[in-house]
Amino acid sequence: MSTPASASATPAHAQHPHNPQMHPVDNIMMSDADPTTALFAKCCPKSWSKSHWWCPSYLADWMLLVILGIGLLLEVTLWDPYVRTYQMATLSGGIYSFNDNEFQFPHKEDTFSITATAVVSFLIPIIIFVAYYLVQRFLWKDPRVHDLHHSILGICTALVIGYFAWIPINKSTGSFRPDFWERLNGGDVDEIKRGREAFPSGHTVMAFLGLGFLSFWLSGKLRVFHSSRGNLWRFFLAWICPMTLAVAQAVTRVTDNRHRTVDILGGAVLGTGAAFCAYHLLYPPNYAPDCERPKNRKYGYNDYLLSGVPSYPRPPVGQATYQVPEHPPYMPPHPPAYMSAPPYPYPVDNGPAYYRK
């Protein structure tokens, strides 16, 4: 027997008062699914549709990161740095000497090798991400497994964004390292080539994008900039500790005669910018009411700055009044405009109740 049209239509009380694109899913008002779902539906396992967070656009992100990573490896290997001309004086015996003492510092060993920088800037953050997931999953019984996925995807995205900007600048400028004269007199072609890759510092880019992403992540988890949670020890743990380690690695690049001050400053800007972009692709801003929760593309959680829909538990569809009886303890009597703007104020945070069946 066919269902009457009136029964199949969405009840008036189930419609969102300000956003007609919202619809009820599992007794929760959700936004439309990810638009890439239809594109990948034929090639994805059916079990993915049962996940409360996974959607095909994440697969597209990983595929794009792999392609860009291979492209970056080819680019850094095949692209020779720009050969800048410099006024020299040839001394007896074929020894070159620069007229500028800025590039005549002695060659020294690295305090932080590229391997050590990668371990400190990526392995340590990933260990922290995994440890937080284990505590979240097995001690707090919180089923938000996509936090681990988002954190690892985010730090990999920061790496690709940072080096996507670093390689063209580094190869195109051909800036000399402070120890370039010793590399030139040594006669090693590879060392001479690396001596023209000073600006910006690649070690510094890696240090600041990895540890910078960790700082943003810790800042969200500890709610450092939230109005009722921010205090000094949270700021120290989230920002001072990781950034001190990043700055220490950058300073060694100057003391090891690998870079000038302007080189590490440029690397710090690129790395921090890459970390900022990658973090906010997957997490809400640190000042958001739900800053500790990762975004969920499948149902539109946490995208409240774009859609106006908060990620807190929605009331049942039959009781969708979208009104808060009283202000939560963390919300001031008169919340900021972005929190009280349509479609409705933020309800009280009662934990991950929207995952429960």
Protein backbone atom coordinates (compact mmCIF):
# COMPACT_ATOMS: atom_id res chain seq x y z
CA MET A 1 0.00 0.00 0.00
CA SER A 2 1.44 3.34 -0.98
CA THR A 3 2.26 5.91 1.64
CA PRO A 4 0.09 9.03 1.54
CA ALA A 5 1.78 12.21 0.42
CA SER A 6 1.01 13.89 3.72
CA ALA A 7 2.72 11.09 5.65
CA SER A 8 5.87 11.17 3.49
CA ALA A 9 6.26 14.91 3.72
CA THR A 10 8.50 16.35 6.39
CA PRO A 11 6.44 17.55 9.37
CA ALA A 12 6.48 21.26 9.97
CA HIS A 13 8.03 20.84 13.40
CA ALA A 14 10.89 18.80 11.84
CA GLN A 15 11.93 21.59 9.53
CA HIS A 16 14.71 23.88 10.54
CA PRO A 17 13.32 27.35 11.31
CA HIS A 18 16.03 29.21 9.38
CA ASN A 19 17.80 26.67 7.17
CA PRO A 20 15.50 24.63 4.86
CA GLN A 21 18.45 22.44 3.80
CA MET A 22 18.54 20.87 7.25
CA HIS A 23 16.76 17.53 7.61
CA PRO A 24 16.26 14.96 10.42
CA VAL A 25 18.67 12.02 10.58
CA ASP A 26 18.42 9.58 13.50
CA ASN A 27 16.25 12.06 15.36
CA ILE A 28 18.90 14.78 14.89
CA MET A 29 18.73 17.75 12.60
CA MET A 30 21.59 17.34 10.14
CA SER A 31 22.82 19.26 7.13
CA ASP A 32 22.99 17.69 3.69
CA ALA A 33 25.54 14.94 3.21
CA ASP A 34 28.90 15.53 1.62
CA PRO A 35 28.39 16.30 -2.11
CA THR A 36 31.23 13.94 -3.08
CA THR A 37 29.30 10.94 -1.72
CA ALA A 38 27.47 10.37 -5.00
CA LEU A 39 30.73 10.60 -6.94
CA PHE A 40 32.42 7.82 -4.97
CA ALA A 41 29.34 5.77 -4.07
CA LYS A 42 29.93 3.09 -6.73
CA CYS A 43 33.54 2.40 -5.72
CA CYS A 44 33.23 2.57 -1.92
CA PRO A 45 32.27 -0.29 0.42
CA LYS A 46 28.70 -0.19 1.71
CA SER A 47 30.00 -0.40 5.29
CA TRP A 48 31.24 3.17 4.97
CA SER A 49 27.69 4.44 4.91
CA LYS A 50 27.22 3.13 8.47
CA SER A 51 30.05 5.25 9.85
CA HIS A 52 29.05 8.35 11.80
CA TRP A 53 31.93 10.37 10.37
CA TRP A 54 33.63 8.78 7.34
CA CYS A 55 32.74 10.14 3.94
CA PRO A 56 34.47 9.77 0.55
CA SER A 57 35.91 13.27 0.55
CA TYR A 58 38.46 12.11 3.15
CA LEU A 59 39.60 9.45 0.70
CA ALA A 60 39.95 12.16 -1.91
CA ASP A 61 42.07 14.17 0.54
CA TRP A 62 44.44 11.26 1.16
CA MET A 63 44.74 10.53 -2.56
CA LEU A 64 45.52 14.18 -3.26
CA LEU A 65 48.15 14.25 -0.49
CA VAL A 66 49.87 11.19 -1.96
CA ILE A 67 49.89 12.71 -5.45
CA LEU A 68 51.17 16.06 -4.20
CA GLY A 69 53.78 14.32 -2.03
CA ILE A 70 55.16 12.42 -5.02
CA GLY A 71 55.17 15.64 -7.01
CA LEU A 72 57.07 17.45 -4.26
CA LEU A 73 59.69 14.69 -4.10
CA LEU A 74 60.23 14.93 -7.85
CA GLU A 75 60.31 18.70 -7.67
CA VAL A 76 62.92 18.89 -4.91
CA THR A 77 65.06 16.25 -6.65
CA LEU A 78 64.94 17.49 -10.24
CA TRP A 79 64.75 21.26 -9.75
CA ASP A 80 68.23 22.75 -9.45
CA PRO A 81 68.50 25.98 -7.47
CA TYR A 82 68.94 29.24 -9.31
CA VAL A 83 72.63 30.08 -9.91
CA ARG A 84 73.20 33.63 -8.75
CA THR A 85 76.21 35.57 -9.98
CA TYR A 86 78.45 37.08 -7.34
CA GLN A 87 81.56 39.21 -7.60
CA MET A 88 84.54 37.11 -6.57
CA ALA A 89 88.32 37.46 -6.40
CA THR A 90 90.39 34.45 -7.47
CA LEU A 91 93.42 33.91 -5.27
CA SER A 92 96.47 31.79 -5.94
CA GLY A 93 95.90 28.08 -6.23
CA GLY A 94 92.36 28.49 -7.57
CA ILE A 95 90.89 29.37 -4.17
CA TYR A 96 87.81 31.57 -4.29
CA SER A 97 87.16 34.33 -1.79
CA PHE A 98 84.02 36.43 -1.54
CA ASN A 99 84.23 40.15 -1.12
CA ASP A 100 81.40 39.85 1.42
CA ASN A 101 82.27 38.09 4.69
CA GLU A 102 78.61 37.13 5.16
CA PHE A 103 79.19 33.88 3.23
CA GLN A 104 82.63 32.95 4.59
CA PHE A 105 81.65 31.24 7.83
CA PRO A 106 83.17 27.80 8.49
CA HIS A 107 81.25 24.64 7.69
CA LYS A 108 79.92 22.80 10.77
CA GLU A 109 77.94 19.65 11.48
CA ASP A 110 74.18 19.85 11.95
CA THR A 111 72.93 19.99 15.52
CA PHE A 112 69.50 18.88 14.29
CA SER A 113 69.72 16.74 11.18
CA ILE A 114 66.72 16.47 8.87
CA THR A 115 65.97 13.07 10.46
CA ALA A 116 66.05 14.50 13.97
CA THR A 117 63.85 17.40 12.91
CA ALA A 118 61.32 15.01 11.35
CA VAL A 119 61.24 12.89 14.53
CA VAL A 120 60.75 15.89 16.83
CA SER A 121 58.28 17.70 14.58
CA PHE A 122 56.16 14.74 13.42
CA LEU A 123 56.78 11.58 15.41
CA ILE A 124 56.28 13.26 18.79
CA PRO A 125 52.98 14.94 17.77
CA ILE A 126 51.68 11.68 16.27
CA ILE A 127 52.55 9.83 19.50
CA ILE A 128 50.57 12.46 21.42
CA PHE A 129 47.63 12.08 19.01
CA VAL A 130 47.61 8.30 19.43
CA ALA A 131 47.92 8.53 23.23
CA TYR A 132 44.99 10.94 23.38
CA TYR A 133 42.93 8.62 21.18
CA LEU A 134 43.63 5.63 23.43
CA VAL A 135 42.61 7.58 26.53
CA GLN A 136 39.56 8.96 24.75
CA ARG A 137 38.48 5.61 23.39
CA PHE A 138 39.12 3.22 26.25
CA LEU A 139 39.16 5.36 29.39
CA TRP A 140 36.58 8.03 28.61
CA LYS A 141 34.50 5.70 26.37
CA ASP A 142 34.14 8.46 23.79
CA PRO A 143 33.48 7.02 20.31
CA ARG A 144 34.88 10.01 18.38
CA VAL A 145 37.45 7.90 16.57
CA HIS A 146 37.76 10.45 13.77
CA ASP A 147 39.79 12.74 16.04
CA LEU A 148 42.85 10.53 15.46
CA HIS A 149 42.18 10.46 11.73
CA HIS A 150 41.76 14.23 11.56
CA SER A 151 44.91 14.94 13.55
CA ILE A 152 47.11 12.71 11.36
CA LEU A 153 45.46 13.98 8.17
CA GLY A 154 45.94 17.54 9.41
CA ILE A 155 49.65 17.26 10.15
CA CYS A 156 50.24 15.56 6.77
CA THR A 157 48.26 18.32 5.08
CA ALA A 158 50.40 20.92 6.87
CA LEU A 159 53.53 19.19 5.57
CA VAL A 160 52.31 19.25 1.98
CA ILE A 161 51.10 22.87 2.18
CA GLY A 162 54.34 24.05 3.79
CA TYR A 163 56.67 22.41 1.31
CA PHE A 164 54.42 23.25 -1.61
CA ALA A 165 55.21 26.88 -0.77
CA TRP A 166 58.83 26.32 0.33
CA ILE A 167 60.25 24.51 -2.71
CA PRO A 168 59.48 27.14 -5.39
CA ILE A 169 60.75 29.98 -3.19
CA ASN A 170 63.86 28.09 -2.16
CA LYS A 171 64.79 26.95 -5.66
CA SER A 172 63.97 30.24 -7.36
CA THR A 173 65.94 32.56 -5.09
CA GLY A 174 69.20 30.60 -5.03
CA SER A 175 70.25 32.34 -1.84
CA PHE A 176 73.75 31.53 -0.52
CA ARG A 177 74.30 29.84 2.82
CA PRO A 178 76.73 31.45 5.28
CA ASP A 179 79.23 28.59 4.67
CA PHE A 180 78.97 28.75 0.88
CA TRP A 181 82.61 29.73 0.32
CA GLU A 182 83.85 26.54 2.03
CA ARG A 183 81.42 24.44 0.02
CA LEU A 184 82.66 26.16 -3.15
CA ASN A 185 86.31 25.54 -2.37
CA GLY A 186 85.56 21.92 -1.47
CA GLY A 187 84.59 21.21 -5.06
CA ASP A 188 81.68 18.87 -4.24
CA VAL A 189 78.94 19.60 -6.78
CA ASP A 190 76.12 18.44 -4.50
CA GLU A 191 77.40 20.54 -1.60
CA ILE A 192 77.68 23.59 -3.84
CA LYS A 193 74.12 23.01 -5.03
CA ARG A 194 72.83 22.73 -1.44
CA GLY A 195 74.79 25.87 -0.63
CA ARG A 196 72.40 27.81 -2.84
CA GLU A 197 69.28 26.72 -0.91
CA ALA A 198 69.35 29.08 2.06
CA PHE A 199 66.08 31.02 1.90
CA PRO A 200 63.80 30.05 3.51
CA SER A 201 65.06 27.43 5.93
CA GLY A 202 63.56 24.01 5.19
CA HIS A 203 64.33 22.68 8.70
CA THR A 204 62.53 25.66 10.20
CA VAL A 205 59.51 25.15 7.94
CA MET A 206 59.24 21.53 9.08
CA ALA A 207 59.70 22.41 12.75
CA PHE A 208 57.06 25.12 12.79
CA LEU A 209 54.45 23.34 10.68
CA GLY A 210 54.65 20.14 12.76
CA LEU A 211 54.91 21.67 16.21
CA GLY A 212 52.67 24.57 15.18
CA PHE A 213 49.92 22.12 14.28
CA LEU A 214 50.45 20.43 17.64
CA SER A 215 50.04 23.80 19.37
CA PHE A 216 46.77 24.51 17.58
CA TRP A 217 45.55 21.00 18.41
CA LEU A 218 46.49 21.25 22.10
CA SER A 219 44.99 24.73 22.27
CA GLY A 220 41.68 23.36 21.04
CA LYS A 221 41.71 20.36 23.35
CA LEU A 222 42.58 22.48 26.39
CA ARG A 223 40.24 25.30 25.31
CA VAL A 224 43.01 27.82 25.88
CA PHE A 225 41.24 30.77 24.30
CA HIS A 226 37.76 29.85 25.45
CA SER A 227 36.21 32.54 27.63
CA SER A 228 35.81 30.40 30.75
CA ARG A 229 38.70 27.95 30.40
CA GLY A 230 41.71 29.98 29.36
CA ASN A 231 44.52 30.33 31.89
CA LEU A 232 48.28 30.49 31.96
CA TRP A 233 49.14 26.82 32.50
CA ARG A 234 46.98 25.78 29.53
CA PHE A 235 48.65 28.41 27.34
CA PHE A 236 52.10 27.31 28.55
CA LEU A 237 51.41 23.65 27.78
CA ALA A 238 49.77 24.25 24.41
CA TRP A 239 51.94 27.02 22.99
CA ILE A 240 55.09 27.79 24.96
CA CYS A 241 56.39 24.22 25.13
CA PRO A 242 55.96 23.23 21.43
CA MET A 243 57.00 26.63 20.10
CA THR A 244 60.11 26.70 22.30
CA LEU A 245 61.16 23.39 20.77
CA ALA A 246 60.51 24.75 17.27
CA VAL A 247 62.45 27.96 17.96
CA ALA A 248 65.36 25.93 19.39
CA GLN A 249 65.63 23.97 16.15
CA ALA A 250 65.49 27.17 14.13
CA VAL A 251 68.22 28.85 16.19
CA THR A 252 70.58 25.92 15.63
CA ARG A 253 70.37 26.57 11.90
CA VAL A 254 72.02 29.96 12.51
CA THR A 255 74.59 28.71 15.00
CA ASP A 256 75.51 25.86 12.63
CA ASN A 257 76.20 28.42 9.86
CA ARG A 258 73.46 26.95 7.66
CA HIS A 259 71.17 29.97 7.53
CA ARG A 260 70.90 33.64 8.31
CA THR A 261 68.28 35.12 10.61
CA VAL A 262 66.07 36.16 7.70
CA ASP A 263 66.09 32.57 6.43
CA ILE A 264 64.69 31.10 9.64
CA LEU A 265 62.15 33.91 9.98
CA GLY A 266 60.83 33.13 6.50
CA GLY A 267 60.68 29.43 7.35
CA ALA A 268 58.82 30.14 10.59
CA VAL A 269 56.19 32.20 8.75
CA LEU A 270 55.68 29.51 6.10
CA GLY A 271 55.50 26.70 8.65
CA THR A 272 53.10 28.48 10.99
CA GLY A 273 50.88 29.51 8.08
CA ALA A 274 50.73 25.93 6.80
CA ALA A 275 49.84 24.66 10.28
CA PHE A 276 47.11 27.30 10.63
CA CYS A 277 45.50 26.41 7.30
CA ALA A 278 45.69 22.65 7.82
CA TYR A 279 44.27 22.80 11.34
CA HIS A 280 41.27 24.95 10.41
CA LEU A 281 40.42 22.67 7.50
CA LEU A 282 39.63 19.90 9.99
CA TYR A 283 38.93 21.61 13.33
CA PRO A 284 36.92 24.67 14.38
CA PRO A 285 38.75 27.80 15.57
CA ASN A 286 40.30 27.78 19.03
CA TYR A 287 37.83 30.37 20.28
CA ALA A 288 34.77 28.32 19.22
CA PRO A 289 32.51 26.87 21.94
CA ASP A 290 33.21 23.34 20.66
CA CYS A 291 36.86 23.88 19.70
CA GLU A 292 37.96 20.51 21.09
CA ARG A 293 35.77 18.56 18.64
CA PRO A 294 36.91 17.74 15.10
CA LYS A 295 34.74 18.65 12.16
CA ASN A 296 32.46 16.01 10.68
CA ARG A 297 31.87 16.51 6.97
CA LYS A 298 29.32 13.74 6.73
CA TYR A 299 26.67 15.51 8.78
CA GLY A 300 28.07 19.00 9.06
CA TYR A 301 29.21 19.03 12.69
CA ASN A 302 31.25 22.00 13.83
CA ASP A 303 30.90 23.99 10.60
CA TYR A 304 28.90 26.57 12.50
CA LEU A 305 30.86 29.54 11.15
CA LEU A 306 29.79 28.64 7.62
CA SER A 307 26.33 27.15 8.14
CA GLY A 308 25.28 28.71 11.43
CA VAL A 309 24.58 25.24 12.79
CA PRO A 310 26.38 24.34 16.03
CA SER A 311 27.76 20.90 16.73
CA TYR A 312 26.12 20.44 20.11
CA PRO A 313 23.39 17.80 20.60
CA ARG A 314 20.16 18.85 18.94
CA PRO A 315 16.83 18.39 20.67
CA PRO A 316 14.52 15.64 19.36
CA VAL A 317 12.72 16.55 16.17
CA GLY A 318 9.36 16.53 17.90
CA GLN A 319 10.66 19.04 20.45
CA ALA A 320 12.70 21.17 18.06
CA THR A 321 12.09 24.51 19.73
CA TYR A 322 15.79 25.40 19.45
CA GLN A 323 15.67 27.44 22.62
CA VAL A 324 17.92 27.22 25.65
CA PRO A 325 15.99 27.46 28.93
CA GLU A 326 18.91 29.09 30.69
CA HIS A 327 22.42 30.14 29.82
CA PRO A 328 25.06 27.44 30.21
CA PRO A 329 27.60 28.14 32.96
CA TYR A 330 30.33 28.91 30.44
CA MET A 331 28.22 31.39 28.45
CA PRO A 332 27.92 35.04 29.60
CA PRO A 333 24.45 36.58 30.01
CA HIS A 334 24.89 38.35 26.69
CA PRO A 335 26.94 36.05 24.40
CA PRO A 336 28.84 37.43 21.41
CA ALA A 337 26.92 38.06 18.23
CA TYR A 338 28.31 35.05 16.38
CA MET A 339 27.03 32.74 19.14
CA SER A 340 23.52 34.14 19.34
CA ALA A 341 23.00 34.73 15.63
CA PRO A 342 20.43 32.66 13.68
CA PRO A 343 19.49 29.91 13.43
CA TYR A 344 19.44 29.46 17.22
CA PRO A 345 21.61 29.81 20.34
CA TYR A 346 23.98 27.09 21.37
CA PRO A 347 22.42 24.40 23.60
CA VAL A 348 24.14 23.04 26.69
CA ASP A 349 27.02 20.68 25.96
CA ASN A 350 26.05 17.29 27.36
CA GLY A 351 28.91 15.36 25.78
CA PRO A 352 28.87 13.10 22.71
CA ALA A 353 25.17 12.24 23.04
CA TYR A 354 24.54 12.69 19.34
CA TYR A 355 26.50 9.52 18.62
CA ARG A 356 24.20 7.35 20.71
CA LYS A 357 21.49 5.37 19.01
